[in-house]
Protein backbone atom coordinates (compact mmCIF):
# COMPACT_ATOMS: atom_id res chain seq x y z
CA UNK A 1 -34.42 7.24 191.14
CA UNK A 2 -33.51 6.40 187.58
CA UNK A 3 -36.65 4.25 187.34
CA UNK A 4 -38.77 7.31 188.20
CA UNK A 5 -37.10 9.63 185.69
CA UNK A 6 -36.82 7.53 182.55
CA UNK A 7 -37.35 9.19 179.18
CA UNK A 8 -40.57 7.22 178.66
CA UNK A 9 -42.00 8.30 182.01
CA UNK A 10 -41.08 11.96 181.44
CA UNK A 11 -42.72 11.81 178.01
CA UNK A 12 -45.89 10.44 179.59
CA UNK A 13 -46.31 13.76 181.44
CA UNK A 14 -45.75 15.94 178.36
CA UNK A 15 -49.45 16.80 178.15
CA UNK A 16 -49.40 18.02 181.75
CA UNK A 17 -46.41 20.24 181.05
CA UNK A 18 -48.15 21.64 177.97
CA UNK A 19 -51.21 22.50 180.06
CA UNK A 20 -49.11 24.31 182.65
CA UNK A 21 -47.34 26.27 179.89
CA UNK A 22 -50.74 27.32 178.52
CA UNK A 23 -51.89 28.36 181.98
CA UNK A 24 -48.93 30.59 182.74
CA UNK A 25 -49.26 32.31 179.34
CA UNK A 26 -52.89 32.97 180.16
CA UNK A 27 -51.91 34.36 183.56
CA UNK A 28 -49.39 36.76 182.00
CA UNK A 29 -51.99 37.76 179.39
CA UNK A 30 -54.38 38.64 182.23
CA UNK A 31 -51.65 40.76 183.83
CA UNK A 32 -51.22 42.59 180.54
CA UNK A 33 -54.94 43.39 180.44
CA UNK A 34 -54.78 44.74 183.99
CA UNK A 35 -51.78 46.92 183.18
CA UNK A 36 -49.74 45.47 186.03
CA UNK A 37 -46.12 44.27 185.84
CA UNK A 38 -45.45 40.56 186.17
CA UNK A 39 -43.65 39.12 189.18
CA UNK A 40 -41.48 36.68 187.24
CA UNK A 41 -40.28 34.88 190.36
CA UNK A 42 -43.88 34.09 191.22
CA UNK A 43 -44.79 32.93 187.71
CA UNK A 44 -41.67 30.82 187.19
CA UNK A 45 -41.92 29.29 190.65
CA UNK A 46 -45.55 28.34 190.08
CA UNK A 47 -44.73 26.77 186.72
CA UNK A 48 -42.00 24.59 188.25
CA UNK A 49 -43.97 23.65 191.34
CA UNK A 50 -47.15 22.82 189.42
CA UNK A 51 -45.30 20.59 186.98
CA UNK A 52 -43.37 18.76 189.68
CA UNK A 53 -46.32 18.17 191.99
CA UNK A 54 -48.50 16.91 189.13
CA UNK A 55 -45.79 14.43 188.13
CA UNK A 56 -44.90 13.41 191.65
CA UNK A 57 -48.17 13.61 193.57
CA UNK A 58 -50.80 13.41 190.83
CA UNK A 59 -52.23 16.84 191.66
CA UNK A 60 -51.31 20.50 191.52
CA UNK A 61 -50.48 21.53 195.08
CA UNK A 62 -48.92 24.96 194.57
CA UNK A 63 -50.95 27.49 196.52
CA UNK A 64 -51.72 25.32 199.53
CA UNK A 65 -50.38 26.81 202.73
CA UNK A 66 -49.26 23.35 203.78
CA UNK A 67 -47.17 22.89 200.66
CA UNK A 68 -45.03 25.74 199.34
CA UNK A 69 -43.51 27.14 202.53
CA UNK A 70 -43.16 23.68 204.04
CA UNK A 71 -40.70 22.61 201.36
CA UNK A 72 -38.50 25.62 202.16
CA UNK A 73 -38.11 24.91 205.83
CA UNK A 74 -34.34 24.58 206.04
CA UNK A 75 -32.91 27.78 207.55
CA UNK A 76 -29.49 27.34 209.18
CA UNK A 77 -29.91 30.67 211.00
CA UNK A 78 -33.41 29.93 212.29
CA UNK A 79 -34.68 28.62 215.57
CA UNK A 80 -34.74 24.87 216.15
CA UNK A 81 -38.24 25.09 217.63
CA UNK A 82 -39.61 26.65 214.46
CA UNK A 83 -37.80 24.08 212.34
CA UNK A 84 -39.37 21.25 214.32
CA UNK A 85 -42.82 22.78 213.92
CA UNK A 86 -42.45 23.06 210.16
CA UNK A 87 -40.92 19.58 209.98
CA UNK A 88 -44.10 18.22 211.57
CA UNK A 89 -46.25 20.05 208.99
CA UNK A 90 -44.13 18.64 206.17
CA UNK A 91 -44.42 15.11 207.52
CA UNK A 92 -48.18 15.42 208.02
CA UNK A 93 -48.63 16.70 204.47
CA UNK A 94 -46.56 13.89 202.98
CA UNK A 95 -48.40 11.30 205.05
CA UNK A 96 -51.71 12.66 203.76
CA UNK A 97 -50.46 12.23 200.19
CA UNK A 98 -49.40 8.63 200.88
CA UNK A 99 -52.73 7.78 202.50
CA UNK A 100 -54.65 9.27 199.55
CA UNK A 101 -52.61 7.24 197.07
CA UNK A 102 -53.04 4.02 199.03
CA UNK A 103 -56.82 4.49 199.13
CA UNK A 104 -56.88 5.26 195.41
CA UNK A 105 -54.77 2.19 194.63
CA UNK A 106 -57.09 -0.07 196.61
CA UNK A 107 -60.16 1.43 194.94
CA UNK A 108 -58.60 0.95 191.51
CA UNK A 109 -57.75 -2.67 192.28
CA UNK A 110 -61.32 -3.36 193.30
CA UNK A 111 -62.87 -1.59 190.31
CA UNK A 112 -60.35 -2.66 187.67
CA UNK A 113 -59.31 -6.15 188.64
CA UNK A 114 -59.13 -7.17 185.00
CA UNK A 115 -57.19 -4.09 183.82
CA UNK A 116 -53.95 -4.85 181.96
CA UNK A 117 -50.89 -4.13 184.15
CA UNK A 118 -49.06 -2.16 181.46
CA UNK A 119 -52.05 0.09 180.90
CA UNK A 120 -52.39 0.80 184.60
CA UNK A 121 -48.73 1.73 184.92
CA UNK A 122 -49.18 4.46 182.33
CA UNK A 123 -51.53 6.20 184.77
CA UNK A 124 -49.14 6.01 187.71
CA UNK A 125 -47.52 9.13 189.14
CA UNK A 126 -44.20 9.01 191.00
CA UNK A 127 -45.77 8.28 194.39
CA UNK A 128 -47.61 5.31 192.89
CA UNK A 129 -44.29 4.04 191.55
CA UNK A 130 -42.61 4.46 194.93
CA UNK A 131 -45.42 2.60 196.66
CA UNK A 132 -45.01 -0.28 194.24
CA UNK A 133 -41.25 -0.69 194.72
CA UNK A 134 -39.81 -3.31 197.09
CA UNK A 135 -37.93 -2.17 200.17
CA UNK A 136 -34.47 -3.11 201.37
CA UNK A 137 -33.54 -6.38 203.06
CA UNK A 138 -36.40 -8.31 201.50
CA UNK A 139 -39.19 -5.97 202.60
CA UNK A 140 -42.28 -6.11 200.44
CA UNK A 141 -42.50 -2.31 200.19
CA UNK A 142 -40.41 0.75 200.99
CA UNK A 143 -40.92 2.30 204.41
CA UNK A 144 -43.03 5.46 204.56
CA UNK A 145 -40.12 7.47 205.93
CA UNK A 146 -38.05 6.54 202.86
CA UNK A 147 -40.83 7.51 200.45
CA UNK A 148 -41.47 10.81 202.20
CA UNK A 149 -37.77 11.66 202.14
CA UNK A 150 -37.64 10.99 198.39
CA UNK A 151 -40.76 13.09 197.82
CA UNK A 152 -39.30 16.06 199.65
CA UNK A 153 -35.91 15.73 197.95
CA UNK A 154 -37.41 15.55 194.47
CA UNK A 155 -39.73 18.51 194.96
CA UNK A 156 -37.04 20.70 196.50
CA UNK A 157 -34.46 19.73 193.90
CA UNK A 158 -36.75 20.21 190.90
CA UNK A 159 -38.47 23.48 191.80
CA UNK A 160 -35.91 25.94 193.15
CA UNK A 161 -33.17 24.97 190.71
CA UNK A 162 -35.21 25.51 187.55
CA UNK A 163 -37.16 28.57 188.72
CA UNK A 164 -34.06 30.35 190.07
CA UNK A 165 -32.16 29.62 186.86
CA UNK A 166 -35.05 30.98 184.80
CA UNK A 167 -35.30 34.17 186.84
CA UNK A 168 -31.59 34.87 186.37
CA UNK A 169 -31.86 34.21 182.62
CA UNK A 170 -34.86 36.52 182.32
CA UNK A 171 -32.97 39.23 184.21
CA UNK A 172 -29.92 38.93 181.98
CA UNK A 173 -31.94 38.84 178.76
CA UNK A 174 -33.99 41.92 179.74
CA UNK A 175 -30.71 43.67 180.58
CA UNK A 176 -29.50 42.82 177.08
CA UNK A 177 -32.32 43.62 174.61
CA UNK A 178 -30.22 42.56 171.61
CA UNK A 179 -30.15 39.02 173.03
CA UNK A 180 -33.94 39.03 173.37
CA UNK A 181 -34.28 40.16 169.75
CA UNK A 182 -32.06 37.37 168.51
CA UNK A 183 -33.95 34.81 170.60
CA UNK A 184 -37.27 35.97 169.17
CA UNK A 185 -35.96 36.02 165.60
CA UNK A 186 -35.10 32.34 165.78
CA UNK A 187 -38.35 31.43 167.53
CA UNK A 188 -40.29 33.23 164.80
CA UNK A 189 -38.30 31.43 162.11
CA UNK A 190 -38.74 27.97 163.65
CA UNK A 191 -42.20 28.25 165.22
CA UNK A 192 -43.79 31.28 163.59
CA UNK A 193 -46.48 33.39 165.19
CA UNK A 194 -49.45 31.24 164.30
CA UNK A 195 -49.10 28.83 167.21
CA UNK A 196 -47.45 28.43 170.60
CA UNK A 197 -43.97 26.97 170.89
CA UNK A 198 -44.07 23.30 171.92
CA UNK A 199 -41.56 20.90 173.47
CA UNK A 200 -41.05 19.29 170.06
CA UNK A 201 -39.71 22.63 168.77
CA UNK A 202 -36.86 22.78 171.29
CA UNK A 203 -34.73 20.31 169.33
CA UNK A 204 -34.79 22.69 166.33
CA UNK A 205 -33.58 25.77 168.22
CA UNK A 206 -29.88 26.51 168.08
CA UNK A 207 -29.27 29.89 169.65
CA UNK A 208 -31.87 30.23 172.36
CA UNK A 209 -32.98 28.51 174.44
CA UNK A 210 -30.52 25.99 172.88
CA UNK A 211 -31.83 22.65 171.83
CA UNK A 212 -31.63 19.53 174.00
CA UNK A 213 -30.36 16.27 172.54
CA UNK A 214 -32.00 12.90 172.88
CA UNK A 215 -31.59 12.00 176.54
CA UNK A 216 -30.35 15.18 178.13
CA UNK A 217 -30.18 18.82 177.29
CA UNK A 218 -28.23 21.97 177.67
CA UNK A 219 -29.39 24.89 179.79
CA UNK A 220 -29.83 28.23 178.08
CA UNK A 221 -26.34 29.44 177.18
CA UNK A 222 -26.90 32.66 179.06
CA UNK A 223 -26.97 30.76 182.32
CA UNK A 224 -23.20 30.46 182.14
CA UNK A 225 -22.72 34.11 183.03
CA UNK A 226 -24.55 33.70 186.29
CA UNK A 227 -24.48 30.05 187.34
CA UNK A 228 -20.79 29.59 186.62
CA UNK A 229 -19.97 32.75 188.51
CA UNK A 230 -21.81 31.30 191.48
CA UNK A 231 -19.68 28.19 191.27
CA UNK A 232 -16.55 30.32 190.93
CA UNK A 233 -15.37 27.84 188.32
CA UNK A 234 -16.72 28.94 184.95
CA UNK A 235 -15.37 32.46 184.29
CA UNK A 236 -11.82 31.38 183.49
CA UNK A 237 -10.21 34.16 181.38
CA UNK A 238 -7.68 31.73 179.94
CA UNK A 239 -10.60 29.89 178.29
CA UNK A 240 -13.39 32.44 177.87
CA UNK A 241 -13.22 35.99 176.51
CA UNK A 242 -14.98 38.80 178.40
CA UNK A 243 -16.09 36.48 181.18
CA UNK A 244 -18.15 39.16 182.93
CA UNK A 245 -20.34 39.78 179.87
CA UNK A 246 -23.59 38.04 179.11
CA UNK A 247 -22.85 36.47 175.72
CA UNK A 248 -24.96 33.38 174.94
CA UNK A 249 -23.40 33.09 171.50
CA UNK A 250 -20.09 32.08 173.09
CA UNK A 251 -21.48 28.53 173.28
CA UNK A 252 -22.58 28.23 169.67
CA UNK A 253 -20.62 25.85 167.41
CA UNK A 254 -17.96 27.56 165.36
CA UNK A 255 -19.12 28.82 161.96
CA UNK A 256 -18.91 26.08 159.36
CA UNK A 257 -18.52 23.32 161.93
CA UNK A 258 -22.21 22.56 162.34
CA UNK A 259 -23.50 20.04 164.84
CA UNK A 260 -24.97 20.80 168.20
CA UNK A 261 -23.64 22.09 171.49
CA UNK A 262 -22.93 19.12 173.72
CA UNK A 263 -23.02 18.90 177.46
CA UNK A 264 -20.17 17.16 179.33
CA UNK A 265 -19.10 15.30 176.16
CA UNK A 266 -15.74 14.93 174.46
CA UNK A 267 -13.61 16.35 173.07
CA UNK A 268 -13.14 19.39 175.29
CA UNK A 269 -15.74 19.39 178.10
CA UNK A 270 -16.26 23.12 177.51
CA UNK A 271 -19.68 22.96 179.18
CA UNK A 272 -19.88 20.85 182.32
CA UNK A 273 -22.75 22.01 184.55
CA UNK A 274 -23.20 20.74 188.06
CA UNK A 275 -26.28 18.75 187.00
CA UNK A 276 -24.56 16.81 184.21
CA UNK A 277 -25.25 13.10 184.52
CA UNK A 278 -27.79 13.19 187.35
CA UNK A 279 -31.14 11.42 186.78
CA UNK A 280 -33.19 14.60 187.13
CA UNK A 281 -31.25 16.60 184.53
CA UNK A 282 -33.60 15.83 181.58
CA UNK A 283 -36.62 17.02 183.59
CA UNK A 284 -34.83 20.16 184.73
CA UNK A 285 -33.75 20.98 181.20
CA UNK A 286 -37.28 20.66 179.84
CA UNK A 287 -38.72 22.87 182.62
CA UNK A 288 -36.06 25.53 182.03
CA UNK A 289 -36.22 25.53 178.24
CA UNK A 290 -39.99 25.36 177.94
CA UNK A 291 -40.59 28.21 180.38
CA UNK A 292 -38.02 30.43 178.66
CA UNK A 293 -39.24 29.58 175.16
CA UNK A 294 -42.84 30.47 176.05
CA UNK A 295 -41.85 33.71 177.78
CA UNK A 296 -39.72 34.90 174.87
CA UNK A 297 -42.02 33.69 172.08
CA UNK A 298 -45.29 34.99 173.50
CA UNK A 299 -44.18 38.33 174.95
CA UNK A 300 -41.80 41.24 174.65
CA UNK A 301 -40.30 42.23 178.00
CA UNK A 302 -39.36 45.61 179.44
CA UNK A 303 -38.90 47.14 182.88
CA UNK A 304 -41.66 49.00 184.74
CA UNK A 305 -41.72 52.60 185.91
CA UNK A 306 -39.20 53.89 183.41
CA UNK A 307 -36.36 51.75 184.72
CA UNK A 308 -33.44 51.11 182.39
CA UNK A 309 -31.94 47.66 181.72
CA UNK A 310 -28.83 48.59 183.67
CA UNK A 311 -31.04 49.34 186.70
CA UNK A 312 -31.85 45.65 187.23
CA UNK A 313 -30.63 44.57 190.64
CA UNK A 314 -28.30 41.58 190.32
CA UNK A 315 -27.55 41.13 194.01
CA UNK A 316 -27.88 37.52 195.11
CA UNK A 317 -28.80 35.76 198.34
CA UNK A 318 -26.51 33.17 199.85
CA UNK A 319 -28.06 29.71 199.72
CA UNK A 320 -28.23 26.39 197.95
CA UNK A 321 -29.46 27.90 194.67
CA UNK A 322 -28.23 31.54 194.93
CA UNK A 323 -31.52 33.31 194.08
CA UNK A 324 -31.78 36.99 193.25
CA UNK A 325 -32.05 39.12 196.37
CA UNK A 326 -35.14 40.86 194.99
CA UNK A 327 -37.85 39.38 192.75
CA UNK A 328 -37.74 40.41 189.11
CA UNK A 329 -40.73 42.48 187.94
CA UNK A 330 -41.20 43.16 184.23
CA UNK A 331 -43.85 44.47 181.85
CA UNK A 332 -45.07 41.97 179.26
CA UNK A 333 -46.28 43.02 175.82
CA UNK A 334 -48.04 40.32 173.75
CA UNK A 335 -46.40 39.64 170.36
CA UNK A 336 -48.78 36.95 169.05
CA UNK A 337 -52.38 37.32 167.80
CA UNK A 338 -54.81 37.73 170.75
CA UNK A 339 -56.62 34.48 170.00
CA UNK A 340 -53.38 32.56 170.64
CA UNK A 341 -53.59 33.23 174.36
CA UNK A 342 -56.91 31.47 174.84
CA UNK A 343 -59.34 32.20 177.62
CA UNK A 344 -57.84 33.60 180.77
CA UNK A 345 -58.05 30.52 182.97
CA UNK A 346 -55.41 31.63 185.47
CA UNK A 347 -56.76 32.51 188.86
CA UNK A 348 -55.61 33.55 192.26
CA UNK A 349 -56.39 31.57 195.39
CA UNK A 350 -55.89 33.81 198.38
CA UNK A 351 -52.48 35.46 198.05
CA UNK A 352 -50.91 32.60 196.11
CA UNK A 353 -50.61 32.08 192.40
CA UNK A 354 -52.28 29.12 190.75
CA UNK A 355 -52.52 28.22 187.07
CA UNK A 356 -55.72 26.26 187.16
CA UNK A 357 -57.05 23.29 189.05
CA UNK A 358 -55.94 19.71 188.49
CA UNK A 359 -57.10 16.86 190.58
């Protein structure tokens, strides 16, 4: 797994992530023109899924009926018959992906027999890497069942976690307009309003969304109010003041101390998220921070239909990632010059959101 999620490999997909960030800004811009509120769960879920499937499978698969629902098949209160039916659809979809990659690999070998190996590896997605790895007990390659299990694990782990975190952060920030103002003040100071925020800007942000360090990053500080409450471990009144309040600034370095906020490092381990140390943490951090930075930099956010910030429903659903019980809808107001949003390339395919087409 570490081989698939190295810093170099994640950096090789930076252009893809930038494209997806552009696409979701264009989609929100189109919503603004239509006068409709934005379903932030839908937008954030599409951003995560599109990024992960492009890295893993080489294509954007969000929006296919055989994809999205199939990766959410586990329902402990469901019927075994339905689970088996969906399991078959998942397996068939994954097998199709493997077959497509094998055919593409054979075609590339035939057409590019003289291509340098290092150059060809730069074009490999995660499935290509998995197909190239040796199996256990001296096998030349990994078994298909092993590859398909890794594919499903990586997609499930990388999509729900980041999109659910982002929806909770958006809910808390909209509930606390003073936090949104402070976020936007720093983004304007660091990035300005003459261009879109980029991944390279994240290292220069201190307050929100909080900058990542070299090999791993720190989730937005506001996540502590929600994620730690879910874990029933973070809101310890002997350590934190006003544990029930959303106060991102609680994680900032003390005045005059300088430096950056560290994750799971000495001397005090004040911030130790569940994901600390796992191979996928750097990818998750980038997906969380980039989505939040674009949302806050490009748009002001308010509630529809005259709702007040305190009216936001914060009920949660029991599950692996504790999502909000109800999707978060909000009204976006552009805060950058119109030309910054580009042409509206976002489109809908059926009843599912898609941010463009990538093959």
